[in-house]
Protein backbone atom coordinates (compact mmCIF):
# COMPACT_ATOMS: atom_id res chain seq x y z
CA MET A 1 -24.64 24.68 -2.28
CA ASN A 2 -23.33 25.16 -5.45
CA ASN A 3 -20.92 24.55 -8.42
CA ILE A 4 -17.34 24.89 -6.54
CA ASP A 5 -18.35 23.25 -3.67
CA LYS A 6 -19.23 20.68 -5.67
CA LEU A 7 -16.11 20.52 -7.11
CA THR A 8 -13.97 20.89 -4.60
CA ARG A 9 -15.91 17.80 -2.73
CA CYS A 10 -15.47 16.05 -5.97
CA ALA A 11 -11.11 16.88 -6.03
CA ASN A 12 -11.47 15.93 -2.27
CA THR A 13 -12.56 12.68 -2.89
CA GLU A 14 -10.36 11.45 -5.81
CA GLN A 15 -7.63 13.17 -3.48
CA THR A 16 -8.79 10.96 -0.85
CA LYS A 17 -8.62 7.55 -3.79
CA THR A 18 -5.30 7.77 -4.54
CA GLN A 19 -4.12 8.72 -0.87
CA LYS A 20 -6.14 4.32 -0.08
CA LEU A 21 -4.87 2.82 -2.89
CA GLN A 22 -0.40 4.25 -2.40
CA SER A 23 -1.30 3.36 1.33
CA HIS A 24 -2.64 -0.08 0.45
CA SER A 25 0.98 0.00 -2.44
CA THR A 26 2.77 1.01 0.69
CA GLU A 27 1.97 -2.14 2.03
CA SER A 28 2.01 -4.61 -0.45
CA ALA A 29 5.13 -3.94 -0.88
CA LYS A 30 6.75 -4.18 3.17
CA ARG A 31 4.10 -7.88 2.79
CA VAL A 32 6.13 -9.14 0.24
CA LYS A 33 9.95 -8.27 1.77
CA LEU A 34 8.80 -9.10 4.84
CA GLU A 35 7.41 -12.72 3.89
CA PHE A 36 10.31 -12.76 1.23
CA ILE A 37 13.02 -12.03 3.93
CA ARG A 38 11.57 -14.63 6.15
CA PHE A 39 11.28 -17.09 3.20
CA THR A 40 14.50 -16.68 2.46
CA ALA A 41 16.04 -17.31 6.53
CA TRP A 42 13.83 -20.08 6.72
CA TRP A 43 15.82 -21.62 3.25
CA ARG A 44 18.56 -20.73 5.51
CA MET A 45 17.50 -23.04 8.65
CA ALA A 46 16.11 -26.10 6.28
CA CYS A 47 20.28 -26.33 4.18
CA GLY A 48 21.79 -26.12 6.75
CA ASP A 49 23.99 -22.77 6.10
């Protein structure tokens, strides 16, 4: 294995880590949005709107 292969492998690993973090952030944002919508619907039912 030469140095170019090592650099390529390291670069791909860093790219994969970044993609996983971005995916996790997107999933978290979607989850928060859904919970907010559920809470709003629950609040309206509880208050009788």
